[in-house]
């Protein structure tokens, strides 16, 4: 009985992943090709015009994180604009499996983003340093990108289930503004704040494996909490 229930649950989650994939490619496969080629292209251009490897790495990680985060928002926007949210009550997928399927699809996209970052940094390293990037460095950059994206998606997901995509974006931007304002306030109020942040960054770079393991634990806890909150919000709505 449990095996049958698990098989049915997996089938429902895979159906949700398939729906999200179809929504993603609704703008055409050429759009996806441009989307995935953008970061490596810009990275190689920056590297060829004299940028340092650190600046290139920061740009490609930031670009991939923002681009793939917008992909999450685009899925909800597509549902709203095309009235596909009404189909969520018709397709044979309960709300819990819809949420789990959405998270699973986003994690796959986050893994692709990490691969894109690794390829981009490897290309930039060969142009700037005239030698291949260290495999461990490329994996570290990719892993940090994936973990950061997973955490960002877990944070924004309840907003997207609670509000329309446009109101959710406004709430997210407002939250970012509050965080940035808090950081600026702490820098002014606490003279040692910036030095502490620098020391923390140095400690993370020295103990990267431990930092990634801690980040992974935070992501797992955030996923569990976010899925529970999202289900509570989504479950109380009329479809």
C-alpha atoms as a PDB file:
ATOM      1  CA  UNK A   1       0.000   0.000   0.000  1.00  0.00           C
ATOM      2  CA  UNK A   2       2.796   2.399   0.933  1.00  0.00           C
ATOM      3  CA  UNK A   3       4.691   1.517  -2.243  1.00  0.00           C
ATOM      4  CA  UNK A   4       1.621   2.328  -4.334  1.00  0.00           C
ATOM      5  CA  UNK A   5       1.125   5.636  -2.534  1.00  0.00           C
ATOM      6  CA  UNK A   6       4.791   6.539  -3.021  1.00  0.00           C
ATOM      7  CA  UNK A   7       4.604   5.629  -6.711  1.00  0.00           C
ATOM      8  CA  UNK A   8       1.476   7.770  -7.153  1.00  0.00           C
ATOM      9  CA  UNK A   9       3.146  10.665  -5.331  1.00  0.00           C
ATOM     10  CA  UNK A  10       6.235  10.427  -7.544  1.00  0.00           C
ATOM     11  CA  UNK A  11       4.061  10.319 -10.671  1.00  0.00           C
ATOM     12  CA  UNK A  12       2.182  13.437  -9.538  1.00  0.00           C
ATOM     13  CA  UNK A  13       5.439  15.292  -8.815  1.00  0.00           C
ATOM     14  CA  UNK A  14       6.821  14.317 -12.232  1.00  0.00           C
ATOM     15  CA  UNK A  15       3.628  15.607 -13.849  1.00  0.00           C
ATOM     16  CA  UNK A  16       4.116  18.940 -12.108  1.00  0.00           C
ATOM     17  CA  UNK A  17       7.740  19.073 -13.277  1.00  0.00           C
ATOM     18  CA  UNK A  18       6.560  18.364 -16.825  1.00  0.00           C
ATOM     19  CA  UNK A  19       3.993  21.181 -16.574  1.00  0.00           C
ATOM     20  CA  UNK A  20       6.637  23.628 -15.380  1.00  0.00           C
ATOM     21  CA  UNK A  21       8.991  22.560 -18.164  1.00  0.00           C
ATOM     22  CA  UNK A  22       6.269  23.204 -20.746  1.00  0.00           C
ATOM     23  CA  UNK A  23       5.659  26.632 -19.209  1.00  0.00           C
ATOM     24  CA  UNK A  24       9.387  27.386 -19.331  1.00  0.00           C
ATOM     25  CA  UNK A  25       9.726  26.552 -23.024  1.00  0.00           C
ATOM     26  CA  UNK A  26       6.476  28.342 -23.937  1.00  0.00           C
ATOM     27  CA  UNK A  27       8.503  31.312 -25.209  1.00  0.00           C
ATOM     28  CA  UNK A  28      10.393  29.039 -27.595  1.00  0.00           C
ATOM     29  CA  UNK A  29      13.565  26.981 -27.497  1.00  0.00           C
ATOM     30  CA  UNK A  30      15.533  29.846 -29.059  1.00  0.00           C
ATOM     31  CA  UNK A  31      14.698  31.926 -25.977  1.00  0.00           C
ATOM     32  CA  UNK A  32      16.138  29.180 -23.767  1.00  0.00           C
ATOM     33  CA  UNK A  33      19.276  28.962 -25.919  1.00  0.00           C
ATOM     34  CA  UNK A  34      19.846  32.718 -25.545  1.00  0.00           C
ATOM     35  CA  UNK A  35      19.078  32.523 -21.823  1.00  0.00           C
ATOM     36  CA  UNK A  36      21.695  29.823 -21.225  1.00  0.00           C
ATOM     37  CA  UNK A  37      24.295  31.302 -23.605  1.00  0.00           C
ATOM     38  CA  UNK A  38      24.072  34.803 -22.138  1.00  0.00           C
ATOM     39  CA  UNK A  39      26.254  34.301 -19.037  1.00  0.00           C
ATOM     40  CA  UNK A  40      29.148  32.467 -20.765  1.00  0.00           C
ATOM     41  CA  UNK A  41      29.054  35.002 -23.596  1.00  0.00           C
ATOM     42  CA  UNK A  42      29.210  38.038 -21.322  1.00  0.00           C
ATOM     43  CA  UNK A  43      31.858  36.332 -19.174  1.00  0.00           C
ATOM     44  CA  UNK A  44      34.131  35.707 -22.161  1.00  0.00           C
ATOM     45  CA  UNK A  45      33.594  39.305 -23.332  1.00  0.00           C
ATOM     46  CA  UNK A  46      34.548  40.662 -19.887  1.00  0.00           C
ATOM     47  CA  UNK A  47      37.601  38.415 -19.773  1.00  0.00           C
ATOM     48  CA  UNK A  48      38.710  39.479 -23.259  1.00  0.00           C
ATOM     49  CA  UNK A  49      38.426  43.179 -22.379  1.00  0.00           C
ATOM     50  CA  UNK A  50      40.738  43.081 -19.367  1.00  0.00           C
ATOM     51  CA  UNK A  51      38.506  42.220 -16.394  1.00  0.00           C
ATOM     52  CA  UNK A  52      40.013  40.300 -13.495  1.00  0.00           C
ATOM     53  CA  UNK A  53      38.923  36.758 -12.707  1.00  0.00           C
ATOM     54  CA  UNK A  54      37.403  37.863  -9.379  1.00  0.00           C
ATOM     55  CA  UNK A  55      35.233  40.523 -11.052  1.00  0.00           C
ATOM     56  CA  UNK A  56      34.180  38.071 -13.765  1.00  0.00           C
ATOM     57  CA  UNK A  57      33.275  35.443 -11.152  1.00  0.00           C
ATOM     58  CA  UNK A  58      31.227  37.964  -9.174  1.00  0.00           C
ATOM     59  CA  UNK A  59      29.414  39.123 -12.306  1.00  0.00           C
ATOM     60  CA  UNK A  60      28.548  35.642 -13.583  1.00  0.00           C
ATOM     61  CA  UNK A  61      27.397  34.383 -10.167  1.00  0.00           C
ATOM     62  CA  UNK A  62      25.246  37.485  -9.653  1.00  0.00           C
ATOM     63  CA  UNK A  63      23.859  37.264 -13.183  1.00  0.00           C
ATOM     64  CA  UNK A  64      23.053  33.568 -12.914  1.00  0.00           C
ATOM     65  CA  UNK A  65      21.442  34.016  -9.489  1.00  0.00           C
ATOM     66  CA  UNK A  66      19.213  36.896 -10.639  1.00  0.00           C
ATOM     67  CA  UNK A  67      18.358  35.246 -13.971  1.00  0.00           C
ATOM     68  CA  UNK A  68      17.374  31.897 -12.526  1.00  0.00           C
ATOM     69  CA  UNK A  69      15.497  33.572  -9.668  1.00  0.00           C
ATOM     70  CA  UNK A  70      13.458  35.454 -12.278  1.00  0.00           C
ATOM     71  CA  UNK A  71      12.723  32.110 -13.923  1.00  0.00           C
ATOM     72  CA  UNK A  72      10.856  31.121 -10.755  1.00  0.00           C
ATOM     73  CA  UNK A  73       8.833  34.343 -10.829  1.00  0.00           C
ATOM     74  CA  UNK A  74       8.200  33.831 -14.564  1.00  0.00           C
ATOM     75  CA  UNK A  75       6.523  30.477 -13.868  1.00  0.00           C
ATOM     76  CA  UNK A  76       3.991  32.127 -11.569  1.00  0.00           C
ATOM     77  CA  UNK A  77       3.573  35.070 -13.965  1.00  0.00           C
ATOM     78  CA  UNK A  78       2.906  32.679 -16.850  1.00  0.00           C
ATOM     79  CA  UNK A  79       0.223  30.901 -14.841  1.00  0.00           C
ATOM     80  CA  UNK A  80      -1.501  34.205 -14.044  1.00  0.00           C
ATOM     81  CA  UNK A  81      -1.274  35.769 -17.495  1.00  0.00           C
ATOM     82  CA  UNK A  82      -2.565  32.693 -19.279  1.00  0.00           C
ATOM     83  CA  UNK A  83      -5.101  31.684 -16.610  1.00  0.00           C
ATOM     84  CA  UNK A  84      -3.179  28.452 -16.127  1.00  0.00           C
ATOM     85  CA  UNK A  85      -3.696  28.776 -12.375  1.00  0.00           C
ATOM     86  CA  UNK A  86      -7.250  27.550 -13.001  1.00  0.00           C
ATOM     87  CA  UNK A  87      -5.790  24.329 -14.420  1.00  0.00           C
ATOM     88  CA  UNK A  88      -4.104  23.627 -11.091  1.00  0.00           C
ATOM     89  CA  UNK A  89      -7.522  22.592  -9.806  1.00  0.00           C
ATOM     90  CA  UNK A  90      -8.202  20.380 -12.830  1.00  0.00           C
ATOM     91  CA  UNK A  91      -5.015  18.410 -13.372  1.00  0.00           C
ATOM     92  CA  UNK A  92      -4.816  15.301 -11.149  1.00  0.00           C
ATOM     93  CA  UNK A  93      -2.073  16.704  -8.889  1.00  0.00           C
ATOM     94  CA  UNK A  94      -2.874  17.709  -5.336  1.00  0.00           C
ATOM     95  CA  UNK A  95      -1.490  20.931  -3.942  1.00  0.00           C
ATOM     96  CA  UNK A  96       1.213  19.304  -1.860  1.00  0.00           C
ATOM     97  CA  UNK A  97       2.616  17.544  -4.940  1.00  0.00           C
ATOM     98  CA  UNK A  98       2.310  20.749  -6.971  1.00  0.00           C
ATOM     99  CA  UNK A  99       4.519  22.516  -4.434  1.00  0.00           C
ATOM    100  CA  UNK A 100       7.012  19.647  -4.189  1.00  0.00           C
ATOM    101  CA  UNK A 101       7.133  19.397  -7.976  1.00  0.00           C
ATOM    102  CA  UNK A 102       7.759  23.132  -8.280  1.00  0.00           C
ATOM    103  CA  UNK A 103      10.624  22.935  -5.765  1.00  0.00           C
ATOM    104  CA  UNK A 104      12.075  19.884  -7.550  1.00  0.00           C
ATOM    105  CA  UNK A 105      11.947  21.674 -10.915  1.00  0.00           C
ATOM    106  CA  UNK A 106      13.618  24.760  -9.441  1.00  0.00           C
ATOM    107  CA  UNK A 107      16.383  22.671  -7.846  1.00  0.00           C
ATOM    108  CA  UNK A 108      17.122  21.131 -11.247  1.00  0.00           C
ATOM    109  CA  UNK A 109      17.273  24.658 -12.721  1.00  0.00           C
ATOM    110  CA  UNK A 110      19.588  25.719  -9.883  1.00  0.00           C
ATOM    111  CA  UNK A 111      21.910  22.813 -10.711  1.00  0.00           C
ATOM    112  CA  UNK A 112      21.964  23.983 -14.330  1.00  0.00           C
ATOM    113  CA  UNK A 113      22.838  27.480 -13.097  1.00  0.00           C
ATOM    114  CA  UNK A 114      25.751  26.033 -11.122  1.00  0.00           C
ATOM    115  CA  UNK A 115      26.988  24.197 -14.212  1.00  0.00           C
ATOM    116  CA  UNK A 116      26.697  27.396 -16.231  1.00  0.00           C
ATOM    117  CA  UNK A 117      28.752  29.294 -13.650  1.00  0.00           C
ATOM    118  CA  UNK A 118      31.447  26.594 -13.646  1.00  0.00           C
ATOM    119  CA  UNK A 119      31.679  26.625 -17.458  1.00  0.00           C
ATOM    120  CA  UNK A 120      31.725  30.444 -17.565  1.00  0.00           C
ATOM    121  CA  UNK A 121      34.501  30.730 -14.967  1.00  0.00           C
ATOM    122  CA  UNK A 122      36.511  28.004 -16.716  1.00  0.00           C
ATOM    123  CA  UNK A 123      36.259  29.931 -19.997  1.00  0.00           C
ATOM    124  CA  UNK A 124      37.215  33.204 -18.308  1.00  0.00           C
ATOM    125  CA  UNK A 125      40.189  31.576 -16.583  1.00  0.00           C
ATOM    126  CA  UNK A 126      41.535  30.220 -19.862  1.00  0.00           C
ATOM    127  CA  UNK A 127      41.296  33.711 -21.410  1.00  0.00           C
ATOM    128  CA  UNK A 128      42.657  35.732 -18.473  1.00  0.00           C
ATOM    129  CA  UNK A 129      45.151  33.352 -16.878  1.00  0.00           C
ATOM    130  CA  UNK A 130      45.916  31.334 -20.051  1.00  0.00           C
ATOM    131  CA  UNK A 131      45.497  28.183 -18.026  1.00  0.00           C
ATOM    132  CA  UNK A 132      42.581  26.005 -16.962  1.00  0.00           C
ATOM    133  CA  UNK A 133      40.815  26.876 -13.734  1.00  0.00           C
ATOM    134  CA  UNK A 134      41.321  24.520 -10.804  1.00  0.00           C
ATOM    135  CA  UNK A 135      38.570  21.919 -10.709  1.00  0.00           C
ATOM    136  CA  UNK A 136      38.068  22.481  -6.975  1.00  0.00           C
ATOM    137  CA  UNK A 137      37.626  26.234  -7.527  1.00  0.00           C
ATOM    138  CA  UNK A 138      35.081  25.689 -10.313  1.00  0.00           C
ATOM    139  CA  UNK A 139      33.149  23.196  -8.171  1.00  0.00           C
ATOM    140  CA  UNK A 140      33.236  25.613  -5.222  1.00  0.00           C
ATOM    141  CA  UNK A 141      31.830  28.486  -7.293  1.00  0.00           C
ATOM    142  CA  UNK A 142      29.164  26.206  -8.790  1.00  0.00           C
ATOM    143  CA  UNK A 143      28.161  24.770  -5.411  1.00  0.00           C
ATOM    144  CA  UNK A 144      27.893  28.219  -3.835  1.00  0.00           C
ATOM    145  CA  UNK A 145      25.703  29.372  -6.734  1.00  0.00           C
ATOM    146  CA  UNK A 146      23.382  26.377  -6.394  1.00  0.00           C
ATOM    147  CA  UNK A 147      23.071  26.678  -2.618  1.00  0.00           C
ATOM    148  CA  UNK A 148      22.476  30.433  -2.787  1.00  0.00           C
ATOM    149  CA  UNK A 149      19.787  30.004  -5.452  1.00  0.00           C
ATOM    150  CA  UNK A 150      18.031  27.250  -3.517  1.00  0.00           C
ATOM    151  CA  UNK A 151      17.953  29.480  -0.431  1.00  0.00           C
ATOM    152  CA  UNK A 152      16.669  32.471  -2.424  1.00  0.00           C
ATOM    153  CA  UNK A 153      13.907  30.380  -3.988  1.00  0.00           C
ATOM    154  CA  UNK A 154      12.827  29.019  -0.611  1.00  0.00           C
ATOM    155  CA  UNK A 155      12.582  32.589   0.666  1.00  0.00           C
ATOM    156  CA  UNK A 156      10.532  33.965  -2.240  1.00  0.00           C
ATOM    157  CA  UNK A 157       8.274  30.934  -2.708  1.00  0.00           C
ATOM    158  CA  UNK A 158       5.778  31.743   0.093  1.00  0.00           C
ATOM    159  CA  UNK A 159       5.521  35.303  -1.275  1.00  0.00           C
ATOM    160  CA  UNK A 160       4.663  33.931  -4.718  1.00  0.00           C
ATOM    161  CA  UNK A 161       1.976  31.615  -3.332  1.00  0.00           C
ATOM    162  CA  UNK A 162       0.536  34.362  -1.143  1.00  0.00           C
ATOM    163  CA  UNK A 163       0.484  37.273  -3.624  1.00  0.00           C
ATOM    164  CA  UNK A 164       0.225  37.807  -7.342  1.00  0.00           C
ATOM    165  CA  UNK A 165       3.659  37.753  -9.067  1.00  0.00           C
ATOM    166  CA  UNK A 166       3.704  41.549  -9.315  1.00  0.00           C
ATOM    167  CA  UNK A 167       2.817  42.102  -5.656  1.00  0.00           C
ATOM    168  CA  UNK A 168       5.250  39.363  -4.679  1.00  0.00           C
ATOM    169  CA  UNK A 169       8.028  41.133  -6.583  1.00  0.00           C
ATOM    170  CA  UNK A 170       7.148  44.377  -4.789  1.00  0.00           C
ATOM    171  CA  UNK A 171       7.253  42.590  -1.419  1.00  0.00           C
ATOM    172  CA  UNK A 172      10.580  40.946  -2.302  1.00  0.00           C
ATOM    173  CA  UNK A 173      12.116  44.258  -3.436  1.00  0.00           C
ATOM    174  CA  UNK A 174      10.856  45.919  -0.249  1.00  0.00           C
ATOM    175  CA  UNK A 175      12.392  43.130   1.845  1.00  0.00           C
ATOM    176  CA  UNK A 176      15.707  43.504   0.015  1.00  0.00           C
ATOM    177  CA  UNK A 177      15.562  47.246   0.664  1.00  0.00           C
ATOM    178  CA  UNK A 178      15.007  46.622   4.374  1.00  0.00           C
ATOM    179  CA  UNK A 179      17.950  44.201   4.484  1.00  0.00           C
ATOM    180  CA  UNK A 180      20.246  46.608   2.620  1.00  0.00           C
ATOM    181  CA  UNK A 181      19.137  49.468   4.864  1.00  0.00           C
ATOM    182  CA  UNK A 182      19.819  47.360   7.950  1.00  0.00           C
ATOM    183  CA  UNK A 183      23.310  46.481   6.727  1.00  0.00           C
ATOM    184  CA  UNK A 184      24.068  50.159   5.996  1.00  0.00           C
ATOM    185  CA  UNK A 185      22.766  51.107   9.437  1.00  0.00           C
ATOM    186  CA  UNK A 186      24.916  48.452  11.121  1.00  0.00           C
ATOM    187  CA  UNK A 187      27.994  49.643   9.241  1.00  0.00           C
ATOM    188  CA  UNK A 188      27.462  53.162  10.544  1.00  0.00           C
ATOM    189  CA  UNK A 189      26.407  52.200  14.057  1.00  0.00           C
ATOM    190  CA  UNK A 190      29.027  49.490  14.628  1.00  0.00           C
ATOM    191  CA  UNK A 191      32.566  50.405  13.509  1.00  0.00           C
ATOM    192  CA  UNK A 192      33.675  46.758  13.798  1.00  0.00           C
ATOM    193  CA  UNK A 193      30.829  45.432  11.623  1.00  0.00           C
ATOM    194  CA  UNK A 194      32.653  45.670   8.279  1.00  0.00           C
ATOM    195  CA  UNK A 195      35.812  44.154   9.743  1.00  0.00           C
ATOM    196  CA  UNK A 196      33.772  41.278  11.175  1.00  0.00           C
ATOM    197  CA  UNK A 197      32.179  40.620   7.769  1.00  0.00           C
ATOM    198  CA  UNK A 198      35.618  40.570   6.132  1.00  0.00           C
ATOM    199  CA  UNK A 199      36.902  38.127   8.744  1.00  0.00           C
ATOM    200  CA  UNK A 200      33.861  35.923   8.177  1.00  0.00           C
ATOM    201  CA  UNK A 201      34.469  35.962   4.401  1.00  0.00           C
ATOM    202  CA  UNK A 202      38.120  35.000   4.946  1.00  0.00           C
ATOM    203  CA  UNK A 203      37.097  32.172   7.275  1.00  0.00           C
ATOM    204  CA  UNK A 204      34.644  30.853   4.694  1.00  0.00           C
ATOM    205  CA  UNK A 205      37.294  30.935   1.964  1.00  0.00           C
ATOM    206  CA  UNK A 206      39.758  29.059   4.219  1.00  0.00           C
ATOM    207  CA  UNK A 207      37.227  26.424   5.267  1.00  0.00           C
ATOM    208  CA  UNK A 208      35.145  26.187   2.115  1.00  0.00           C
ATOM    209  CA  UNK A 209      34.055  22.567   2.589  1.00  0.00           C
ATOM    210  CA  UNK A 210      32.738  23.264   6.097  1.00  0.00           C
ATOM    211  CA  UNK A 211      30.987  26.416   4.891  1.00  0.00           C
ATOM    212  CA  UNK A 212      29.312  24.538   2.022  1.00  0.00           C
ATOM    213  CA  UNK A 213      28.189  21.763   4.391  1.00  0.00           C
ATOM    214  CA  UNK A 214      26.700  24.342   6.778  1.00  0.00           C
ATOM    215  CA  UNK A 215      25.036  26.114   3.863  1.00  0.00           C
ATOM    216  CA  UNK A 216      23.583  22.783   2.684  1.00  0.00           C
ATOM    217  CA  UNK A 217      22.063  22.130   6.117  1.00  0.00           C
ATOM    218  CA  UNK A 218      20.551  25.629   6.121  1.00  0.00           C
ATOM    219  CA  UNK A 219      19.093  24.983   2.651  1.00  0.00           C
ATOM    220  CA  UNK A 220      17.512  21.685   3.698  1.00  0.00           C
ATOM    221  CA  UNK A 221      15.913  23.295   6.748  1.00  0.00           C
ATOM    222  CA  UNK A 222      14.769  26.279   4.657  1.00  0.00           C
ATOM    223  CA  UNK A 223      13.232  23.958   2.045  1.00  0.00           C
ATOM    224  CA  UNK A 224      11.277  22.066   4.686  1.00  0.00           C
ATOM    225  CA  UNK A 225      10.057  25.267   6.346  1.00  0.00           C
ATOM    226  CA  UNK A 226       9.255  27.025   3.044  1.00  0.00           C
ATOM    227  CA  UNK A 227       7.306  24.057   1.639  1.00  0.00           C
ATOM    228  CA  UNK A 228       5.261  23.858   4.846  1.00  0.00           C
ATOM    229  CA  UNK A 229       4.468  27.589   4.786  1.00  0.00           C
ATOM    230  CA  UNK A 230       3.735  27.491   1.035  1.00  0.00           C
ATOM    231  CA  UNK A 231       1.334  24.565   1.491  1.00  0.00           C
ATOM    232  CA  UNK A 232      -0.426  26.388   4.333  1.00  0.00           C
ATOM    233  CA  UNK A 233      -0.863  29.494   2.160  1.00  0.00           C
ATOM    234  CA  UNK A 234      -1.738  27.649  -1.047  1.00  0.00           C
ATOM    235  CA  UNK A 235      -4.023  25.186   0.725  1.00  0.00           C
ATOM    236  CA  UNK A 236      -6.195  27.994   2.107  1.00  0.00           C
ATOM    237  CA  UNK A 237      -6.804  29.506  -1.339  1.00  0.00           C
ATOM    238  CA  UNK A 238      -9.691  28.790  -3.660  1.00  0.00           C
ATOM    239  CA  UNK A 239      -8.465  27.627  -7.070  1.00  0.00           C
END
